[in-house]
Amino acid sequence: MTVAVLSLLLIGLTLLLLGAIVWGLRQMVQQQVIEPTFFWWITFGLVGWLALVGLVAQSGFLLQFESLPPRMPFFVLAPAVILVFLLRHSAVQAWLQAVPLSYLLGIQSFRIVGELLLWGMAAQAALPERMTFEGWNFDIVMGLTAPLVAWGAARGRLGQPLLVAWNLAGLVFLLVVASMGFLTMPSPLRVFVEDDVRYLADFPWIWLPTFLVALGYYAHVFALWKLWRKPSL
């Protein structure tokens, strides 16, 4: 596949996941589990974030890697900072109490497609092989096991220690691939000088670190929050 086709697939995956999140929240509004205000707050926040980072990347602002401080990490780390505040919000906590744990686990299956996209980009020499499952990226393991883990959790066949370990492993895998991407970017902090990852700072690939990766660790952290709140699981 060409880079253009892979880019279209990435856009499709992103919009599909956005639609799935919005649909799930809408169902919870209809079941009177969450307030409509919370639904619109999250929906506009997600759409606004995707639009913002997309426009910034399209402008070429993030491609100026020589600038200090580096611009790319700000947009990559922003969702992590927001997550800290979200976990302290009462509406988010109420939603987390209501959302099924299996939903937070099963949604990680999107990482199968994400890893195949990275593999396709590496085949086009647009990304280094080390960032794929043929290199140092083991993230596809989480995508492949997510449906089984979600099924086992829904039926009570997996205990809390195993579920905690699985989510922690997923966070470690995300940290590894994110670190490789950051250390390969042509910035003053670059370590891997033989490869390049400029595509990740351009549209639509900016959505990979700022939305898809963020979705992965959000789901892990939310799942761990639920497991911590219900130690008897």
C-alpha atoms as a PDB file:
ATOM      1  CA  MET A   1       0.000   0.000   0.000  1.00  0.00           C
ATOM      2  CA  THR A   2       1.122   3.547  -0.664  1.00  0.00           C
ATOM      3  CA  VAL A   3       1.489   6.177   2.039  1.00  0.00           C
ATOM      4  CA  ALA A   4      -1.605   7.924   0.658  1.00  0.00           C
ATOM      5  CA  VAL A   5      -3.748   4.804   1.075  1.00  0.00           C
ATOM      6  CA  LEU A   6      -2.365   4.182   4.562  1.00  0.00           C
ATOM      7  CA  SER A   7      -3.164   7.778   5.467  1.00  0.00           C
ATOM      8  CA  LEU A   8      -6.765   7.327   4.367  1.00  0.00           C
ATOM      9  CA  LEU A   9      -7.001   4.165   6.459  1.00  0.00           C
ATOM     10  CA  LEU A  10      -5.677   6.043   9.474  1.00  0.00           C
ATOM     11  CA  ILE A  11      -8.310   8.743   8.996  1.00  0.00           C
ATOM     12  CA  GLY A  12     -10.980   6.056   8.724  1.00  0.00           C
ATOM     13  CA  LEU A  13      -9.796   4.305  11.894  1.00  0.00           C
ATOM     14  CA  THR A  14      -9.717   7.570  13.815  1.00  0.00           C
ATOM     15  CA  LEU A  15     -13.220   8.599  12.751  1.00  0.00           C
ATOM     16  CA  LEU A  16     -14.547   5.088  13.406  1.00  0.00           C
ATOM     17  CA  LEU A  17     -13.206   5.138  16.961  1.00  0.00           C
ATOM     18  CA  LEU A  18     -14.541   8.635  17.506  1.00  0.00           C
ATOM     19  CA  GLY A  19     -17.953   7.468  16.327  1.00  0.00           C
ATOM     20  CA  ALA A  20     -17.833   4.414  18.593  1.00  0.00           C
ATOM     21  CA  ILE A  21     -17.004   6.559  21.622  1.00  0.00           C
ATOM     22  CA  VAL A  22     -19.757   9.059  20.864  1.00  0.00           C
ATOM     23  CA  TRP A  23     -22.276   6.270  20.218  1.00  0.00           C
ATOM     24  CA  GLY A  24     -21.382   4.572  23.497  1.00  0.00           C
ATOM     25  CA  LEU A  25     -21.777   7.800  25.426  1.00  0.00           C
ATOM     26  CA  ARG A  26     -25.098   8.483  23.694  1.00  0.00           C
ATOM     27  CA  GLN A  27     -26.384   5.086  24.784  1.00  0.00           C
ATOM     28  CA  MET A  28     -25.504   5.910  28.367  1.00  0.00           C
ATOM     29  CA  VAL A  29     -27.409   9.199  28.101  1.00  0.00           C
ATOM     30  CA  GLN A  30     -30.495   7.336  26.877  1.00  0.00           C
ATOM     31  CA  GLN A  31     -30.147   4.932  29.799  1.00  0.00           C
ATOM     32  CA  GLN A  32     -29.898   7.964  32.113  1.00  0.00           C
ATOM     33  CA  VAL A  33     -26.499   6.832  33.338  1.00  0.00           C
ATOM     34  CA  ILE A  34     -24.789  10.119  32.450  1.00  0.00           C
ATOM     35  CA  GLU A  35     -26.099  13.650  31.954  1.00  0.00           C
ATOM     36  CA  PRO A  36     -26.507  15.090  28.428  1.00  0.00           C
ATOM     37  CA  THR A  37     -24.192  17.931  29.440  1.00  0.00           C
ATOM     38  CA  PHE A  38     -21.399  15.450  30.077  1.00  0.00           C
ATOM     39  CA  PHE A  39     -22.042  13.818  26.684  1.00  0.00           C
ATOM     40  CA  TRP A  40     -21.751  17.094  24.805  1.00  0.00           C
ATOM     41  CA  TRP A  41     -18.740  18.182  26.843  1.00  0.00           C
ATOM     42  CA  ILE A  42     -16.793  15.042  25.916  1.00  0.00           C
ATOM     43  CA  THR A  43     -18.012  14.990  22.297  1.00  0.00           C
ATOM     44  CA  PHE A  44     -17.058  18.598  21.590  1.00  0.00           C
ATOM     45  CA  GLY A  45     -13.778  18.082  23.432  1.00  0.00           C
ATOM     46  CA  LEU A  46     -12.795  15.111  21.272  1.00  0.00           C
ATOM     47  CA  VAL A  47     -13.866  16.721  17.997  1.00  0.00           C
ATOM     48  CA  GLY A  48     -12.174  19.985  18.966  1.00  0.00           C
ATOM     49  CA  TRP A  49      -8.937  18.233  19.876  1.00  0.00           C
ATOM     50  CA  LEU A  50      -8.797  16.282  16.609  1.00  0.00           C
ATOM     51  CA  ALA A  51      -9.517  19.443  14.642  1.00  0.00           C
ATOM     52  CA  LEU A  52      -6.916  21.469  16.544  1.00  0.00           C
ATOM     53  CA  VAL A  53      -4.021  19.047  16.170  1.00  0.00           C
ATOM     54  CA  GLY A  54      -5.013  18.344  12.571  1.00  0.00           C
ATOM     55  CA  LEU A  55      -4.931  22.022  11.636  1.00  0.00           C
ATOM     56  CA  VAL A  56      -1.690  22.639  13.511  1.00  0.00           C
ATOM     57  CA  ALA A  57      -0.022  19.710  11.771  1.00  0.00           C
ATOM     58  CA  GLN A  58      -1.409  20.739   8.379  1.00  0.00           C
ATOM     59  CA  SER A  59       0.157  24.185   8.824  1.00  0.00           C
ATOM     60  CA  GLY A  60       3.620  22.642   9.147  1.00  0.00           C
ATOM     61  CA  PHE A  61       4.118  24.083  12.637  1.00  0.00           C
ATOM     62  CA  LEU A  62       5.153  20.726  14.110  1.00  0.00           C
ATOM     63  CA  LEU A  63       7.652  20.017  11.326  1.00  0.00           C
ATOM     64  CA  GLN A  64      10.026  22.667  12.684  1.00  0.00           C
ATOM     65  CA  PHE A  65      11.960  20.158  14.784  1.00  0.00           C
ATOM     66  CA  GLU A  66      14.964  22.402  15.388  1.00  0.00           C
ATOM     67  CA  SER A  67      12.994  24.754  17.646  1.00  0.00           C
ATOM     68  CA  LEU A  68      13.494  24.681  21.408  1.00  0.00           C
ATOM     69  CA  PRO A  69      11.587  23.655  23.359  1.00  0.00           C
ATOM     70  CA  PRO A  70      10.425  20.919  20.926  1.00  0.00           C
ATOM     71  CA  ARG A  71       6.860  21.511  19.750  1.00  0.00           C
ATOM     72  CA  MET A  72       5.734  17.945  19.114  1.00  0.00           C
ATOM     73  CA  PRO A  73       5.978  16.699  22.743  1.00  0.00           C
ATOM     74  CA  PHE A  74       3.566  19.413  23.905  1.00  0.00           C
ATOM     75  CA  PHE A  75       0.752  18.027  21.755  1.00  0.00           C
ATOM     76  CA  VAL A  76       1.647  14.427  22.550  1.00  0.00           C
ATOM     77  CA  LEU A  77       1.764  14.976  26.321  1.00  0.00           C
ATOM     78  CA  ALA A  78      -1.270  17.288  26.535  1.00  0.00           C
ATOM     79  CA  PRO A  79      -3.794  14.381  26.675  1.00  0.00           C
ATOM     80  CA  ALA A  80      -1.844  12.852  29.588  1.00  0.00           C
ATOM     81  CA  VAL A  81      -2.078  16.123  31.526  1.00  0.00           C
ATOM     82  CA  ILE A  82      -5.800  16.371  30.755  1.00  0.00           C
ATOM     83  CA  LEU A  83      -6.260  12.796  31.986  1.00  0.00           C
ATOM     84  CA  VAL A  84      -5.071  13.788  35.474  1.00  0.00           C
ATOM     85  CA  PHE A  85      -7.792  16.423  35.719  1.00  0.00           C
ATOM     86  CA  LEU A  86     -10.457  14.170  34.206  1.00  0.00           C
ATOM     87  CA  LEU A  87      -9.918  11.511  36.869  1.00  0.00           C
ATOM     88  CA  ARG A  88     -10.611  14.127  39.550  1.00  0.00           C
ATOM     89  CA  HIS A  89     -13.906  15.216  37.976  1.00  0.00           C
ATOM     90  CA  SER A  90     -17.062  13.837  39.590  1.00  0.00           C
ATOM     91  CA  ALA A  91     -18.872  13.377  36.261  1.00  0.00           C
ATOM     92  CA  VAL A  92     -15.988  11.320  34.859  1.00  0.00           C
ATOM     93  CA  GLN A  93     -15.898   9.201  38.021  1.00  0.00           C
ATOM     94  CA  ALA A  94     -19.644   8.593  37.760  1.00  0.00           C
ATOM     95  CA  TRP A  95     -19.227   7.515  34.144  1.00  0.00           C
ATOM     96  CA  LEU A  96     -16.372   5.188  35.054  1.00  0.00           C
ATOM     97  CA  GLN A  97     -18.489   3.514  37.700  1.00  0.00           C
ATOM     98  CA  ALA A  98     -21.186   2.818  35.121  1.00  0.00           C
ATOM     99  CA  VAL A  99     -19.164   1.841  32.037  1.00  0.00           C
ATOM    100  CA  PRO A 100     -18.515  -1.928  31.779  1.00  0.00           C
ATOM    101  CA  LEU A 101     -14.924  -2.966  32.380  1.00  0.00           C
ATOM    102  CA  SER A 102     -15.159  -5.234  29.334  1.00  0.00           C
ATOM    103  CA  TYR A 103     -15.791  -2.167  27.145  1.00  0.00           C
ATOM    104  CA  LEU A 104     -12.577  -0.499  28.314  1.00  0.00           C
ATOM    105  CA  LEU A 105     -10.657  -3.723  27.701  1.00  0.00           C
ATOM    106  CA  GLY A 106     -12.217  -4.675  24.378  1.00  0.00           C
ATOM    107  CA  ILE A 107     -11.717  -1.273  22.753  1.00  0.00           C
ATOM    108  CA  GLN A 108      -7.974  -1.947  22.846  1.00  0.00           C
ATOM    109  CA  SER A 109      -8.465  -4.280  19.880  1.00  0.00           C
ATOM    110  CA  PHE A 110      -8.146  -1.217  17.627  1.00  0.00           C
ATOM    111  CA  ARG A 111      -4.404  -1.519  18.195  1.00  0.00           C
ATOM    112  CA  ILE A 112      -4.297  -4.412  15.720  1.00  0.00           C
ATOM    113  CA  VAL A 113      -5.168  -2.030  12.898  1.00  0.00           C
ATOM    114  CA  GLY A 114      -2.872   0.638  14.282  1.00  0.00           C
ATOM    115  CA  GLU A 115       0.077  -1.734  14.281  1.00  0.00           C
ATOM    116  CA  LEU A 116      -0.681  -2.898  10.745  1.00  0.00           C
ATOM    117  CA  LEU A 117      -0.662   0.744   9.637  1.00  0.00           C
ATOM    118  CA  LEU A 118       2.742   1.273  11.239  1.00  0.00           C
ATOM    119  CA  TRP A 119       3.993  -1.888   9.561  1.00  0.00           C
ATOM    120  CA  GLY A 120       2.721  -0.622   6.216  1.00  0.00           C
ATOM    121  CA  MET A 121       4.471   2.715   6.726  1.00  0.00           C
ATOM    122  CA  ALA A 122       7.725   0.923   7.537  1.00  0.00           C
ATOM    123  CA  ALA A 123       7.355  -1.085   4.335  1.00  0.00           C
ATOM    124  CA  GLN A 124       7.224   2.254   2.505  1.00  0.00           C
ATOM    125  CA  ALA A 125      10.361   3.422   4.363  1.00  0.00           C
ATOM    126  CA  ALA A 126       8.248   6.156   5.971  1.00  0.00           C
ATOM    127  CA  LEU A 127       8.891   4.866   9.503  1.00  0.00           C
ATOM    128  CA  PRO A 128      11.712   2.808  11.042  1.00  0.00           C
ATOM    129  CA  GLU A 129      11.160  -0.929  11.362  1.00  0.00           C
ATOM    130  CA  ARG A 130      11.947  -0.745  15.086  1.00  0.00           C
ATOM    131  CA  MET A 131       8.577   0.968  15.629  1.00  0.00           C
ATOM    132  CA  THR A 132       6.668  -2.035  14.255  1.00  0.00           C
ATOM    133  CA  PHE A 133       6.001  -5.550  15.532  1.00  0.00           C
ATOM    134  CA  GLU A 134       9.003  -6.658  13.496  1.00  0.00           C
ATOM    135  CA  GLY A 135      11.171  -4.476  15.733  1.00  0.00           C
ATOM    136  CA  TRP A 136      10.722  -3.304  19.319  1.00  0.00           C
ATOM    137  CA  ASN A 137       7.009  -2.625  19.241  1.00  0.00           C
ATOM    138  CA  PHE A 138       4.990  -5.361  20.973  1.00  0.00           C
ATOM    139  CA  ASP A 139       1.788  -3.327  21.091  1.00  0.00           C
ATOM    140  CA  ILE A 140       0.013  -5.674  18.692  1.00  0.00           C
ATOM    141  CA  VAL A 141      -0.044  -8.250  21.503  1.00  0.00           C
ATOM    142  CA  MET A 142      -2.494  -6.026  23.366  1.00  0.00           C
ATOM    143  CA  GLY A 143      -4.743  -5.709  20.334  1.00  0.00           C
ATOM    144  CA  LEU A 144      -4.786  -9.448  19.699  1.00  0.00           C
ATOM    145  CA  THR A 145      -5.495 -10.358  23.315  1.00  0.00           C
ATOM    146  CA  ALA A 146      -7.983  -7.548  24.022  1.00  0.00           C
ATOM    147  CA  PRO A 147     -11.112  -9.431  22.823  1.00  0.00           C
ATOM    148  CA  LEU A 148     -10.181 -12.486  24.898  1.00  0.00           C
ATOM    149  CA  VAL A 149      -9.401 -10.437  27.987  1.00  0.00           C
ATOM    150  CA  ALA A 150     -12.657  -8.490  27.622  1.00  0.00           C
ATOM    151  CA  TRP A 151     -14.600 -11.726  27.229  1.00  0.00           C
ATOM    152  CA  GLY A 152     -12.950 -13.267  30.274  1.00  0.00           C
ATOM    153  CA  ALA A 153     -13.522 -10.171  32.395  1.00  0.00           C
ATOM    154  CA  ALA A 154     -17.194  -9.964  31.399  1.00  0.00           C
ATOM    155  CA  ARG A 155     -17.753 -13.546  32.527  1.00  0.00           C
ATOM    156  CA  GLY A 156     -15.706 -13.298  35.679  1.00  0.00           C
ATOM    157  CA  ARG A 157     -13.107 -15.797  34.489  1.00  0.00           C
ATOM    158  CA  LEU A 158     -10.119 -13.498  34.943  1.00  0.00           C
ATOM    159  CA  GLY A 159      -9.053 -12.300  38.369  1.00  0.00           C
ATOM    160  CA  GLN A 160      -8.003  -8.808  39.348  1.00  0.00           C
ATOM    161  CA  PRO A 161      -4.214  -9.507  39.453  1.00  0.00           C
ATOM    162  CA  LEU A 162      -4.197 -10.755  35.861  1.00  0.00           C
ATOM    163  CA  LEU A 163      -6.306  -7.841  34.634  1.00  0.00           C
ATOM    164  CA  VAL A 164      -4.076  -5.336  36.418  1.00  0.00           C
ATOM    165  CA  ALA A 165      -0.958  -6.956  34.974  1.00  0.00           C
ATOM    166  CA  TRP A 166      -2.426  -6.913  31.456  1.00  0.00           C
ATOM    167  CA  ASN A 167      -3.261  -3.214  31.663  1.00  0.00           C
ATOM    168  CA  LEU A 168       0.141  -2.335  33.119  1.00  0.00           C
ATOM    169  CA  ALA A 169       1.836  -4.272  30.323  1.00  0.00           C
ATOM    170  CA  GLY A 170      -0.198  -2.315  27.789  1.00  0.00           C
ATOM    171  CA  LEU A 171       0.959   0.966  29.309  1.00  0.00           C
ATOM    172  CA  VAL A 172       4.583  -0.177  29.164  1.00  0.00           C
ATOM    173  CA  PHE A 173       4.246  -1.164  25.493  1.00  0.00           C
ATOM    174  CA  LEU A 174       2.790   2.263  24.675  1.00  0.00           C
ATOM    175  CA  LEU A 175       5.585   3.998  26.571  1.00  0.00           C
ATOM    176  CA  VAL A 176       8.230   2.021  24.668  1.00  0.00           C
ATOM    177  CA  VAL A 177       6.913   2.856  21.200  1.00  0.00           C
ATOM    178  CA  ALA A 178       6.243   6.501  22.145  1.00  0.00           C
ATOM    179  CA  SER A 179       9.796   6.840  23.440  1.00  0.00           C
ATOM    180  CA  MET A 180      11.214   5.359  20.251  1.00  0.00           C
ATOM    181  CA  GLY A 181       9.214   7.807  18.175  1.00  0.00           C
ATOM    182  CA  PHE A 182      10.372  10.784  20.240  1.00  0.00           C
ATOM    183  CA  LEU A 183      14.037   9.730  20.174  1.00  0.00           C
ATOM    184  CA  THR A 184      13.915   9.254  16.394  1.00  0.00           C
ATOM    185  CA  MET A 185      12.466  12.672  15.559  1.00  0.00           C
ATOM    186  CA  PRO A 186      15.008  15.073  13.980  1.00  0.00           C
ATOM    187  CA  SER A 187      15.206  17.288  17.049  1.00  0.00           C
ATOM    188  CA  PRO A 188      18.149  18.359  19.237  1.00  0.00           C
ATOM    189  CA  LEU A 189      17.236  15.442  21.538  1.00  0.00           C
ATOM    190  CA  ARG A 190      17.480  12.836  18.790  1.00  0.00           C
ATOM    191  CA  VAL A 191      19.164   9.484  19.562  1.00  0.00           C
ATOM    192  CA  PHE A 192      18.375   7.276  16.538  1.00  0.00           C
ATOM    193  CA  VAL A 193      19.944   9.302  13.727  1.00  0.00           C
ATOM    194  CA  GLU A 194      19.711   6.693  10.979  1.00  0.00           C
ATOM    195  CA  ASP A 195      15.890   6.863  10.692  1.00  0.00           C
ATOM    196  CA  ASP A 196      13.197   9.509  10.501  1.00  0.00           C
ATOM    197  CA  VAL A 197       9.616   9.842  11.712  1.00  0.00           C
ATOM    198  CA  ARG A 198       8.609  13.159  10.183  1.00  0.00           C
ATOM    199  CA  TYR A 199       5.300  11.701   9.051  1.00  0.00           C
ATOM    200  CA  LEU A 200       4.126  11.536  12.680  1.00  0.00           C
ATOM    201  CA  ALA A 201       4.247  15.328  12.859  1.00  0.00           C
ATOM    202  CA  ASP A 202       2.199  15.784   9.690  1.00  0.00           C
ATOM    203  CA  PHE A 203      -1.514  15.328   8.973  1.00  0.00           C
ATOM    204  CA  PRO A 204      -3.165  12.863   9.375  1.00  0.00           C
ATOM    205  CA  TRP A 205      -0.424  10.895  11.182  1.00  0.00           C
ATOM    206  CA  ILE A 206      -0.404  13.406  14.013  1.00  0.00           C
ATOM    207  CA  TRP A 207      -3.616  11.682  15.115  1.00  0.00           C
ATOM    208  CA  LEU A 208      -1.636   8.519  15.853  1.00  0.00           C
ATOM    209  CA  PRO A 209       0.303   9.860  18.874  1.00  0.00           C
ATOM    210  CA  THR A 210      -2.228  12.492  19.914  1.00  0.00           C
ATOM    211  CA  PHE A 211      -5.439  10.431  19.672  1.00  0.00           C
ATOM    212  CA  LEU A 212      -4.880   6.717  19.059  1.00  0.00           C
ATOM    213  CA  VAL A 213      -2.017   6.337  21.531  1.00  0.00           C
ATOM    214  CA  ALA A 214      -3.899   8.546  23.984  1.00  0.00           C
ATOM    215  CA  LEU A 215      -7.014   6.396  23.581  1.00  0.00           C
ATOM    216  CA  GLY A 216      -4.904   3.347  24.406  1.00  0.00           C
ATOM    217  CA  TYR A 217      -3.535   4.672  27.668  1.00  0.00           C
ATOM    218  CA  TYR A 218      -6.818   6.342  28.620  1.00  0.00           C
ATOM    219  CA  ALA A 219      -8.574   2.972  28.379  1.00  0.00           C
ATOM    220  CA  HIS A 220      -5.812   1.310  30.419  1.00  0.00           C
ATOM    221  CA  VAL A 221      -5.880   3.971  33.144  1.00  0.00           C
ATOM    222  CA  PHE A 222      -9.676   3.962  33.290  1.00  0.00           C
ATOM    223  CA  ALA A 223      -9.664   0.161  33.566  1.00  0.00           C
ATOM    224  CA  LEU A 224      -7.090   0.290  36.358  1.00  0.00           C
ATOM    225  CA  TRP A 225      -9.217   2.893  38.141  1.00  0.00           C
ATOM    226  CA  LYS A 226     -12.196   0.549  38.054  1.00  0.00           C
ATOM    227  CA  LEU A 227     -10.098  -2.384  39.223  1.00  0.00           C
ATOM    228  CA  TRP A 228      -8.699  -0.327  42.089  1.00  0.00           C
ATOM    229  CA  ARG A 229     -12.180   0.791  43.137  1.00  0.00           C
ATOM    230  CA  LYS A 230     -13.417  -2.806  43.113  1.00  0.00           C
ATOM    231  CA  PRO A 231     -10.641  -4.837  44.760  1.00  0.00           C
ATOM    232  CA  SER A 232     -12.976  -7.789  45.261  1.00  0.00           C
ATOM    233  CA  LEU A 233     -13.304  -8.357  41.492  1.00  0.00           C
END
